[in-house]
N, C-alpha and C. Protein backbone atom coordinates (compact mmCIF):
# COMPACT_ATOMS: atom_id res chain seq x y z
N MET A 1 23.44 43.73 81.54
CA MET A 1 23.92 45.07 81.28
C MET A 1 22.81 45.97 80.76
N LYS A 2 21.90 45.41 79.93
CA LYS A 2 20.85 46.24 79.36
C LYS A 2 19.84 46.70 80.41
N PHE A 3 19.84 46.07 81.58
CA PHE A 3 18.92 46.47 82.64
C PHE A 3 19.57 47.46 83.61
N LEU A 4 20.83 47.75 83.43
CA LEU A 4 21.57 48.62 84.34
C LEU A 4 21.06 50.06 84.26
N PHE A 5 20.88 50.62 83.05
CA PHE A 5 20.44 52.01 82.91
C PHE A 5 19.08 52.25 83.57
N PRO A 6 18.05 51.42 83.28
CA PRO A 6 16.76 51.66 83.96
C PRO A 6 16.88 51.56 85.48
N ALA A 7 17.72 50.66 85.98
CA ALA A 7 17.87 50.52 87.43
C ALA A 7 18.52 51.77 88.02
N VAL A 8 19.54 52.29 87.34
CA VAL A 8 20.21 53.51 87.81
C VAL A 8 19.23 54.68 87.75
N LEU A 9 18.46 54.77 86.67
CA LEU A 9 17.48 55.83 86.53
C LEU A 9 16.41 55.75 87.61
N LEU A 10 15.95 54.55 87.92
CA LEU A 10 14.95 54.35 88.96
C LEU A 10 15.49 54.75 90.32
N CYS A 11 16.72 54.36 90.62
CA CYS A 11 17.33 54.74 91.90
C CYS A 11 17.51 56.25 91.99
N SER A 12 17.97 56.86 90.90
CA SER A 12 18.15 58.31 90.88
C SER A 12 16.82 59.01 91.11
N CYS A 13 15.79 58.49 90.49
CA CYS A 13 14.47 59.08 90.65
C CYS A 13 14.00 58.99 92.09
N ALA A 14 14.19 57.84 92.69
CA ALA A 14 13.76 57.64 94.08
C ALA A 14 14.53 58.54 95.03
N LEU A 15 15.82 58.74 94.76
CA LEU A 15 16.66 59.52 95.67
C LEU A 15 16.58 61.02 95.43
N SER A 16 16.31 61.45 94.19
CA SER A 16 16.40 62.88 93.89
C SER A 16 15.07 63.51 93.51
N GLY A 17 13.97 62.85 93.74
CA GLY A 17 12.68 63.44 93.39
C GLY A 17 12.47 63.54 91.89
N CYS A 18 13.02 62.61 91.15
CA CYS A 18 12.84 62.51 89.70
C CYS A 18 13.48 63.65 88.91
N VAL A 19 14.44 64.34 89.47
CA VAL A 19 15.13 65.39 88.74
C VAL A 19 15.81 64.81 87.51
N MET A 20 16.35 63.60 87.61
CA MET A 20 16.99 62.96 86.48
C MET A 20 16.01 62.79 85.32
N LEU A 21 14.81 62.35 85.60
CA LEU A 21 13.82 62.15 84.55
C LEU A 21 13.47 63.47 83.89
N GLU A 22 13.39 64.54 84.66
CA GLU A 22 13.09 65.85 84.10
C GLU A 22 14.19 66.28 83.14
N ARG A 23 15.43 65.96 83.47
CA ARG A 23 16.54 66.32 82.59
C ARG A 23 16.50 65.55 81.28
N PHE A 24 15.90 64.38 81.28
CA PHE A 24 15.76 63.60 80.06
C PHE A 24 14.50 63.99 79.29
N GLY A 25 13.80 65.01 79.74
CA GLY A 25 12.62 65.49 79.04
C GLY A 25 11.33 64.87 79.52
N TYR A 26 11.38 64.09 80.57
CA TYR A 26 10.17 63.47 81.10
C TYR A 26 9.61 64.34 82.21
N HIS A 27 8.33 64.55 82.21
CA HIS A 27 7.69 65.21 83.33
C HIS A 27 6.28 64.64 83.46
N ARG A 28 5.78 64.70 84.66
CA ARG A 28 4.43 64.21 84.87
C ARG A 28 3.43 65.21 84.32
N TYR A 29 2.46 64.70 83.61
CA TYR A 29 1.40 65.53 83.08
C TYR A 29 0.50 65.98 84.22
N GLN A 30 0.28 67.28 84.31
CA GLN A 30 -0.62 67.79 85.34
C GLN A 30 -1.95 68.12 84.68
N LYS A 31 -2.93 67.32 84.97
CA LYS A 31 -4.25 67.49 84.38
C LYS A 31 -4.86 68.81 84.84
N ALA A 32 -5.56 69.48 83.94
CA ALA A 32 -6.21 70.75 84.28
C ALA A 32 -7.28 70.55 85.34
N GLU A 33 -7.36 71.50 86.23
CA GLU A 33 -8.38 71.45 87.28
C GLU A 33 -9.75 71.74 86.66
N MET A 34 -10.75 71.00 87.07
CA MET A 34 -12.12 71.19 86.57
C MET A 34 -12.92 71.96 87.61
N ALA A 35 -13.72 72.90 87.13
CA ALA A 35 -14.59 73.67 88.03
C ALA A 35 -15.70 72.76 88.55
N PRO A 36 -16.24 73.08 89.71
CA PRO A 36 -17.36 72.29 90.23
C PRO A 36 -18.59 72.41 89.30
N PRO A 37 -19.44 71.40 89.28
CA PRO A 37 -20.60 71.38 88.38
C PRO A 37 -21.49 72.63 88.48
N GLU A 38 -21.67 73.16 89.69
CA GLU A 38 -22.52 74.35 89.84
C GLU A 38 -21.91 75.57 89.15
N GLU A 39 -20.60 75.67 89.12
CA GLU A 39 -19.93 76.76 88.42
C GLU A 39 -19.97 76.52 86.91
N SER A 40 -19.76 75.29 86.49
CA SER A 40 -19.82 74.93 85.06
C SER A 40 -21.19 75.20 84.47
N ALA A 41 -22.23 74.99 85.23
CA ALA A 41 -23.60 75.17 84.75
C ALA A 41 -23.89 76.63 84.40
N GLN A 42 -23.12 77.57 84.92
CA GLN A 42 -23.34 79.00 84.68
C GLN A 42 -22.66 79.50 83.40
N ILE A 43 -21.90 78.65 82.73
CA ILE A 43 -21.17 79.05 81.53
C ILE A 43 -22.05 78.95 80.30
N ASN A 44 -22.08 80.02 79.52
CA ASN A 44 -22.78 80.03 78.24
C ASN A 44 -21.76 80.19 77.12
N PHE A 45 -21.61 79.16 76.30
CA PHE A 45 -20.67 79.22 75.19
C PHE A 45 -21.20 80.18 74.12
N PRO A 46 -20.29 80.86 73.40
CA PRO A 46 -20.74 81.78 72.35
C PRO A 46 -21.36 81.03 71.18
N ASN A 47 -22.26 81.71 70.48
CA ASN A 47 -22.88 81.13 69.29
C ASN A 47 -21.93 81.18 68.10
N SER A 48 -20.96 82.09 68.15
CA SER A 48 -20.00 82.26 67.06
C SER A 48 -18.64 82.62 67.64
N TYR A 49 -17.62 82.22 66.94
CA TYR A 49 -16.26 82.60 67.35
C TYR A 49 -15.71 83.68 66.41
N GLU A 50 -16.59 84.37 65.71
CA GLU A 50 -16.21 85.48 64.84
C GLU A 50 -15.46 86.52 65.68
N GLY A 51 -14.32 86.95 65.17
CA GLY A 51 -13.53 87.95 65.90
C GLY A 51 -12.56 87.33 66.90
N GLY A 52 -12.63 86.01 67.06
CA GLY A 52 -11.70 85.34 67.97
C GLY A 52 -10.33 85.20 67.33
N THR A 53 -9.34 84.90 68.12
CA THR A 53 -7.99 84.69 67.62
C THR A 53 -7.90 83.28 67.05
N ARG A 54 -7.43 83.17 65.82
CA ARG A 54 -7.34 81.87 65.16
C ARG A 54 -5.89 81.45 65.02
N LEU A 55 -5.61 80.25 65.47
CA LEU A 55 -4.28 79.66 65.34
C LEU A 55 -4.44 78.32 64.65
N ASP A 56 -3.69 78.12 63.55
CA ASP A 56 -3.79 76.81 62.89
C ASP A 56 -2.82 75.84 63.56
N GLY A 57 -2.81 74.61 63.09
CA GLY A 57 -2.00 73.56 63.73
C GLY A 57 -0.52 73.86 63.77
N ALA A 58 0.05 74.34 62.66
CA ALA A 58 1.48 74.64 62.62
C ALA A 58 1.81 75.81 63.56
N MET A 59 0.92 76.78 63.65
CA MET A 59 1.14 77.91 64.54
C MET A 59 1.06 77.46 66.00
N MET A 60 0.13 76.58 66.30
CA MET A 60 0.01 76.04 67.67
C MET A 60 1.26 75.25 68.03
N LYS A 61 1.77 74.50 67.08
CA LYS A 61 2.98 73.72 67.32
C LYS A 61 4.16 74.65 67.61
N ALA A 62 4.30 75.72 66.82
CA ALA A 62 5.38 76.68 67.03
C ALA A 62 5.27 77.33 68.41
N LEU A 63 4.07 77.69 68.79
CA LEU A 63 3.85 78.30 70.10
C LEU A 63 4.19 77.32 71.22
N SER A 64 3.75 76.09 71.07
CA SER A 64 4.02 75.06 72.08
C SER A 64 5.52 74.80 72.23
N VAL A 65 6.23 74.72 71.11
CA VAL A 65 7.68 74.50 71.15
C VAL A 65 8.37 75.63 71.89
N ALA A 66 8.02 76.88 71.56
CA ALA A 66 8.63 78.03 72.22
C ALA A 66 8.31 78.05 73.71
N MET A 67 7.07 77.78 74.06
CA MET A 67 6.68 77.78 75.48
C MET A 67 7.43 76.71 76.26
N ASN A 68 7.53 75.52 75.71
CA ASN A 68 8.21 74.43 76.41
C ASN A 68 9.71 74.66 76.52
N ASP A 69 10.29 75.36 75.55
CA ASP A 69 11.71 75.66 75.63
C ASP A 69 11.97 76.77 76.64
N TYR A 70 11.17 77.81 76.60
CA TYR A 70 11.38 78.98 77.47
C TYR A 70 11.08 78.68 78.94
N LEU A 71 9.97 78.02 79.16
CA LEU A 71 9.55 77.70 80.53
C LEU A 71 9.08 76.25 80.54
N PRO A 72 10.01 75.30 80.72
CA PRO A 72 9.66 73.87 80.64
C PRO A 72 8.55 73.49 81.63
N PRO A 73 7.74 72.52 81.25
CA PRO A 73 6.59 72.13 82.07
C PRO A 73 6.93 71.72 83.50
N TYR A 74 8.15 71.26 83.75
CA TYR A 74 8.50 70.83 85.11
C TYR A 74 8.86 72.00 86.03
N ILE A 75 8.99 73.21 85.49
CA ILE A 75 9.26 74.38 86.33
C ILE A 75 7.98 74.72 87.10
N GLN A 76 8.10 74.78 88.39
CA GLN A 76 6.93 75.08 89.23
C GLN A 76 7.15 76.41 89.92
N ALA A 77 6.20 77.32 89.73
CA ALA A 77 6.32 78.67 90.27
C ALA A 77 6.53 78.66 91.78
N GLU A 78 5.80 77.83 92.48
CA GLU A 78 5.88 77.82 93.95
C GLU A 78 7.24 77.37 94.47
N LYS A 79 8.05 76.74 93.63
CA LYS A 79 9.37 76.27 94.06
C LYS A 79 10.48 77.29 93.75
N GLN A 80 10.14 78.40 93.12
CA GLN A 80 11.13 79.42 92.81
C GLN A 80 11.37 80.30 94.04
N GLU A 81 12.58 80.84 94.16
CA GLU A 81 12.91 81.67 95.31
C GLU A 81 12.45 83.10 95.09
N GLY A 82 11.65 83.59 96.00
CA GLY A 82 11.18 84.97 95.95
C GLY A 82 9.94 85.14 95.11
N PRO A 83 9.04 86.03 95.51
CA PRO A 83 7.77 86.20 94.79
C PRO A 83 7.94 86.71 93.36
N GLU A 84 8.99 87.52 93.12
CA GLU A 84 9.19 88.02 91.77
C GLU A 84 9.52 86.89 90.81
N PHE A 85 10.37 85.96 91.24
CA PHE A 85 10.76 84.85 90.37
C PHE A 85 9.66 83.80 90.29
N GLN A 86 8.83 83.71 91.32
CA GLN A 86 7.65 82.85 91.23
C GLN A 86 6.72 83.42 90.15
N CYS A 87 6.62 84.73 90.13
CA CYS A 87 5.78 85.41 89.14
C CYS A 87 6.28 85.13 87.72
N LEU A 88 7.59 85.19 87.52
CA LEU A 88 8.16 84.95 86.19
C LEU A 88 8.02 83.50 85.74
N ALA A 89 7.73 82.60 86.65
CA ALA A 89 7.57 81.18 86.32
C ALA A 89 6.11 80.81 86.04
N ARG A 90 5.23 81.82 85.96
CA ARG A 90 3.81 81.58 85.66
C ARG A 90 3.47 82.14 84.28
N TRP A 91 2.74 81.38 83.48
CA TRP A 91 2.40 81.83 82.13
C TRP A 91 1.46 83.03 82.13
N ASP A 92 0.67 83.22 83.17
CA ASP A 92 -0.27 84.35 83.16
C ASP A 92 0.44 85.70 83.27
N THR A 93 1.75 85.69 83.46
CA THR A 93 2.55 86.91 83.51
C THR A 93 2.97 87.37 82.11
N TYR A 94 2.88 86.50 81.12
CA TYR A 94 3.46 86.77 79.80
C TYR A 94 2.45 87.24 78.76
N ARG A 95 2.96 88.12 77.90
CA ARG A 95 2.25 88.50 76.68
C ARG A 95 2.93 87.72 75.56
N THR A 96 2.15 87.17 74.66
CA THR A 96 2.71 86.33 73.61
C THR A 96 2.17 86.77 72.25
N VAL A 97 3.07 86.84 71.29
CA VAL A 97 2.69 87.15 69.91
C VAL A 97 3.27 86.06 69.02
N VAL A 98 2.44 85.52 68.12
CA VAL A 98 2.89 84.55 67.14
C VAL A 98 2.63 85.15 65.77
N MET A 99 3.67 85.18 64.93
CA MET A 99 3.54 85.74 63.59
C MET A 99 4.01 84.70 62.58
N GLN A 100 3.20 84.48 61.56
CA GLN A 100 3.58 83.55 60.50
C GLN A 100 4.24 84.35 59.39
N ALA A 101 5.53 84.09 59.14
CA ALA A 101 6.27 84.80 58.10
C ALA A 101 6.01 84.19 56.72
N ASN A 102 5.93 82.88 56.67
CA ASN A 102 5.57 82.17 55.45
C ASN A 102 5.05 80.79 55.86
N GLU A 103 4.81 79.93 54.89
CA GLU A 103 4.22 78.62 55.17
C GLU A 103 5.06 77.78 56.13
N ASN A 104 6.36 78.03 56.16
CA ASN A 104 7.26 77.19 56.95
C ASN A 104 7.99 77.95 58.06
N LEU A 105 7.63 79.19 58.34
CA LEU A 105 8.37 79.97 59.33
C LEU A 105 7.44 80.77 60.22
N PHE A 106 7.65 80.60 61.52
CA PHE A 106 6.86 81.31 62.51
C PHE A 106 7.80 82.02 63.48
N PHE A 107 7.41 83.20 63.91
CA PHE A 107 8.13 83.92 64.94
C PHE A 107 7.25 83.98 66.18
N VAL A 108 7.84 83.70 67.32
CA VAL A 108 7.09 83.71 68.59
C VAL A 108 7.83 84.65 69.53
N LEU A 109 7.11 85.61 70.08
CA LEU A 109 7.66 86.56 71.05
C LEU A 109 7.00 86.31 72.39
N LEU A 110 7.80 86.04 73.40
CA LEU A 110 7.32 85.85 74.77
C LEU A 110 7.89 86.99 75.61
N SER A 111 7.04 87.85 76.14
CA SER A 111 7.56 88.95 76.95
C SER A 111 6.74 89.08 78.23
N PRO A 112 7.42 89.08 79.37
CA PRO A 112 6.71 89.18 80.64
C PRO A 112 6.22 90.60 80.90
N ASP A 113 5.07 90.69 81.51
CA ASP A 113 4.56 91.97 82.00
C ASP A 113 5.05 92.09 83.43
N LEU A 114 6.21 92.71 83.61
CA LEU A 114 6.86 92.77 84.92
C LEU A 114 6.04 93.53 85.96
N SER A 115 5.11 94.36 85.51
CA SER A 115 4.27 95.09 86.47
C SER A 115 3.36 94.12 87.24
N LYS A 116 3.15 92.93 86.71
CA LYS A 116 2.35 91.92 87.42
C LYS A 116 3.15 91.25 88.53
N CYS A 117 4.49 91.39 88.49
CA CYS A 117 5.34 90.72 89.47
C CYS A 117 5.57 91.57 90.71
N ALA A 118 5.93 92.82 90.53
CA ALA A 118 6.19 93.71 91.65
C ALA A 118 6.40 95.11 91.11
N PRO A 119 6.00 96.12 91.87
CA PRO A 119 6.24 97.49 91.40
C PRO A 119 7.74 97.75 91.24
N GLY A 120 8.13 98.27 90.10
CA GLY A 120 9.53 98.59 89.86
C GLY A 120 10.43 97.40 89.60
N PHE A 121 9.87 96.21 89.48
CA PHE A 121 10.66 95.00 89.24
C PHE A 121 11.27 95.09 87.85
N ILE A 122 12.59 94.93 87.77
CA ILE A 122 13.31 95.01 86.49
C ILE A 122 14.13 93.75 86.31
N VAL A 123 14.00 93.14 85.15
CA VAL A 123 14.81 91.98 84.79
C VAL A 123 15.35 92.24 83.39
N PRO A 124 16.65 92.51 83.29
CA PRO A 124 17.20 92.72 81.95
C PRO A 124 17.11 91.43 81.13
N ASP A 125 16.80 91.58 79.88
CA ASP A 125 16.71 90.45 78.95
C ASP A 125 15.62 89.45 79.30
N ALA A 126 14.56 89.90 79.95
CA ALA A 126 13.45 88.99 80.22
C ALA A 126 12.69 88.74 78.92
N GLY A 127 12.18 87.55 78.77
CA GLY A 127 11.45 87.19 77.58
C GLY A 127 12.36 86.57 76.54
N ALA A 128 11.78 86.21 75.40
CA ALA A 128 12.55 85.58 74.33
C ALA A 128 11.82 85.71 73.01
N GLU A 129 12.59 85.62 71.93
CA GLU A 129 12.05 85.57 70.58
C GLU A 129 12.53 84.28 69.94
N TYR A 130 11.64 83.61 69.25
CA TYR A 130 11.96 82.34 68.59
C TYR A 130 11.61 82.41 67.11
N ALA A 131 12.41 81.74 66.30
CA ALA A 131 12.08 81.44 64.91
C ALA A 131 11.93 79.93 64.86
N ILE A 132 10.75 79.47 64.46
CA ILE A 132 10.43 78.04 64.50
C ILE A 132 9.83 77.64 63.16
N ASP A 133 10.28 76.49 62.65
CA ASP A 133 9.73 76.03 61.37
C ASP A 133 8.46 75.21 61.60
N ALA A 134 7.78 74.89 60.51
CA ALA A 134 6.50 74.17 60.59
C ALA A 134 6.66 72.76 61.13
N GLN A 135 7.88 72.23 61.15
CA GLN A 135 8.12 70.90 61.72
C GLN A 135 8.35 70.97 63.23
N GLY A 136 8.37 72.17 63.78
CA GLY A 136 8.56 72.33 65.23
C GLY A 136 10.00 72.44 65.65
N ARG A 137 10.90 72.74 64.71
CA ARG A 137 12.32 72.90 65.07
C ARG A 137 12.61 74.36 65.38
N ILE A 138 13.37 74.61 66.42
CA ILE A 138 13.80 75.96 66.74
C ILE A 138 14.96 76.29 65.80
N LEU A 139 14.74 77.25 64.93
CA LEU A 139 15.76 77.64 63.97
C LEU A 139 16.72 78.65 64.60
N SER A 140 16.18 79.51 65.46
CA SER A 140 17.00 80.51 66.14
C SER A 140 16.19 81.06 67.30
N LYS A 141 16.92 81.55 68.30
CA LYS A 141 16.25 82.23 69.41
C LYS A 141 17.16 83.29 69.96
N ARG A 142 16.54 84.32 70.51
CA ARG A 142 17.31 85.37 71.17
C ARG A 142 16.51 85.96 72.30
């Protein structure tokens, strides 16, 4: 009996393209693409990061939690219907603000720049606001 669930899960995965695993929170990690060596050789790293945006560990965790909830990693832009919705499924469309209210509370605002999707494209209620604690729990969202 204890082997029944993994067998059912394996069969479901084989038959449905692993949609079942995605629903359980599992997704395949997609490794970042690396530039060719000749392109990498042209990069000069800065001597200082003065003036750069600084995010500490708890803030990064809050941002990651909000991003994964709003647009889960298994959502693929190319599989969405229509170019506008493909656009909304890409992170490069979004403006993001993270604000630390106190040591244990972060607010994350995700708002799409709809002008990147199509001229005159309107989506009511696009984007989201999250309140996330330092442990990575979503306290509230709207």
